[in-house]
Amino acid sequence: MYICVCKAVTDKQVKSAIADGHCSRRQLHQCLGVGSVCGKCSQHIKQLLDENRMETCMMPMMA
């Protein structure tokens, strides 16, 4: 599903970027360009970060 229509970014691309270590909206913006045009995707980006960040970005801190 497209998350950012302006930049043609899908939820799979966002999840992949999070899994690769992009753990903030700023990092996702720099990596994929999401949230840089109209901003309508920002809430969904936050939701994907909240859902997926715990699984990937917090792992090294727990080890």
C-alpha atoms as a PDB file:
ATOM      1  CA  MET A   1       0.000   0.000   0.000  1.00  0.00           C
ATOM      2  CA  TYR A   2       1.253   3.478  -0.801  1.00  0.00           C
ATOM      3  CA  ILE A   3       2.068   5.485   2.295  1.00  0.00           C
ATOM      4  CA  CYS A   4       3.460   8.580   0.589  1.00  0.00           C
ATOM      5  CA  VAL A   5       1.690   9.207  -2.703  1.00  0.00           C
ATOM      6  CA  CYS A   6       3.809  12.286  -3.430  1.00  0.00           C
ATOM      7  CA  LYS A   7       7.032  10.241  -3.419  1.00  0.00           C
ATOM      8  CA  ALA A   8       5.446   6.867  -4.379  1.00  0.00           C
ATOM      9  CA  VAL A   9       6.700   5.154  -1.211  1.00  0.00           C
ATOM     10  CA  THR A  10       5.018   1.967   0.013  1.00  0.00           C
ATOM     11  CA  ASP A  11       4.615   0.560   3.494  1.00  0.00           C
ATOM     12  CA  LYS A  12       7.040  -2.237   2.558  1.00  0.00           C
ATOM     13  CA  GLN A  13       9.701   0.315   1.677  1.00  0.00           C
ATOM     14  CA  VAL A  14       9.161   2.134   4.977  1.00  0.00           C
ATOM     15  CA  LYS A  15       9.310  -1.118   6.971  1.00  0.00           C
ATOM     16  CA  SER A  16      12.470  -2.134   5.122  1.00  0.00           C
ATOM     17  CA  ALA A  17      14.095   1.218   5.889  1.00  0.00           C
ATOM     18  CA  ILE A  18      13.169   0.858   9.567  1.00  0.00           C
ATOM     19  CA  ALA A  19      14.652  -2.649   9.576  1.00  0.00           C
ATOM     20  CA  ASP A  20      17.826  -1.156   8.059  1.00  0.00           C
ATOM     21  CA  GLY A  21      18.143   1.194  11.024  1.00  0.00           C
ATOM     22  CA  HIS A  22      16.266   4.337   9.984  1.00  0.00           C
ATOM     23  CA  CYS A  23      14.491   4.789  13.318  1.00  0.00           C
ATOM     24  CA  SER A  24      13.090   8.323  13.163  1.00  0.00           C
ATOM     25  CA  ARG A  25      10.882  10.380  10.877  1.00  0.00           C
ATOM     26  CA  ARG A  26      13.887  12.546  10.057  1.00  0.00           C
ATOM     27  CA  GLN A  27      15.921   9.519   8.968  1.00  0.00           C
ATOM     28  CA  LEU A  28      13.018   8.174   6.902  1.00  0.00           C
ATOM     29  CA  HIS A  29      12.624  11.600   5.313  1.00  0.00           C
ATOM     30  CA  GLN A  30      16.307  11.660   4.390  1.00  0.00           C
ATOM     31  CA  CYS A  31      16.247   8.068   3.125  1.00  0.00           C
ATOM     32  CA  LEU A  32      12.917   7.939   1.282  1.00  0.00           C
ATOM     33  CA  GLY A  33      11.737  11.535   1.029  1.00  0.00           C
ATOM     34  CA  VAL A  34       8.512  10.801   2.929  1.00  0.00           C
ATOM     35  CA  GLY A  35       6.735  13.750   4.513  1.00  0.00           C
ATOM     36  CA  SER A  36       8.562  16.299   2.397  1.00  0.00           C
ATOM     37  CA  VAL A  37       5.764  17.458   0.079  1.00  0.00           C
ATOM     38  CA  CYS A  38       2.215  17.596   1.463  1.00  0.00           C
ATOM     39  CA  GLY A  39       2.721  15.910   4.851  1.00  0.00           C
ATOM     40  CA  LYS A  40      -0.419  13.769   4.691  1.00  0.00           C
ATOM     41  CA  CYS A  41       1.688  10.632   5.227  1.00  0.00           C
ATOM     42  CA  SER A  42       3.280  11.852   8.468  1.00  0.00           C
ATOM     43  CA  GLN A  43       0.742  10.245  10.786  1.00  0.00           C
ATOM     44  CA  HIS A  44       1.004   6.891   9.013  1.00  0.00           C
ATOM     45  CA  ILE A  45       4.814   7.102   9.069  1.00  0.00           C
ATOM     46  CA  LYS A  46       4.649   7.685  12.835  1.00  0.00           C
ATOM     47  CA  GLN A  47       2.362   4.683  13.216  1.00  0.00           C
ATOM     48  CA  LEU A  48       4.706   2.436  11.219  1.00  0.00           C
ATOM     49  CA  LEU A  49       7.650   3.653  13.289  1.00  0.00           C
ATOM     50  CA  ASP A  50       5.800   2.974  16.530  1.00  0.00           C
ATOM     51  CA  GLU A  51       4.818  -0.527  15.392  1.00  0.00           C
ATOM     52  CA  ASN A  52       8.181  -1.548  13.948  1.00  0.00           C
ATOM     53  CA  ARG A  53      10.808   0.430  15.849  1.00  0.00           C
ATOM     54  CA  MET A  54      10.588  -1.732  18.977  1.00  0.00           C
ATOM     55  CA  GLU A  55      11.340  -4.854  16.948  1.00  0.00           C
ATOM     56  CA  THR A  56      14.373  -3.512  15.111  1.00  0.00           C
ATOM     57  CA  CYS A  57      15.808  -0.287  16.497  1.00  0.00           C
ATOM     58  CA  MET A  58      15.754  -1.201  20.174  1.00  0.00           C
ATOM     59  CA  MET A  59      17.347  -4.653  19.760  1.00  0.00           C
ATOM     60  CA  PRO A  60      21.014  -3.544  20.078  1.00  0.00           C
ATOM     61  CA  MET A  61      20.181  -1.663  23.271  1.00  0.00           C
ATOM     62  CA  MET A  62      18.754  -4.825  24.841  1.00  0.00           C
ATOM     63  CA  ALA A  63      21.730  -7.027  23.949  1.00  0.00           C
END
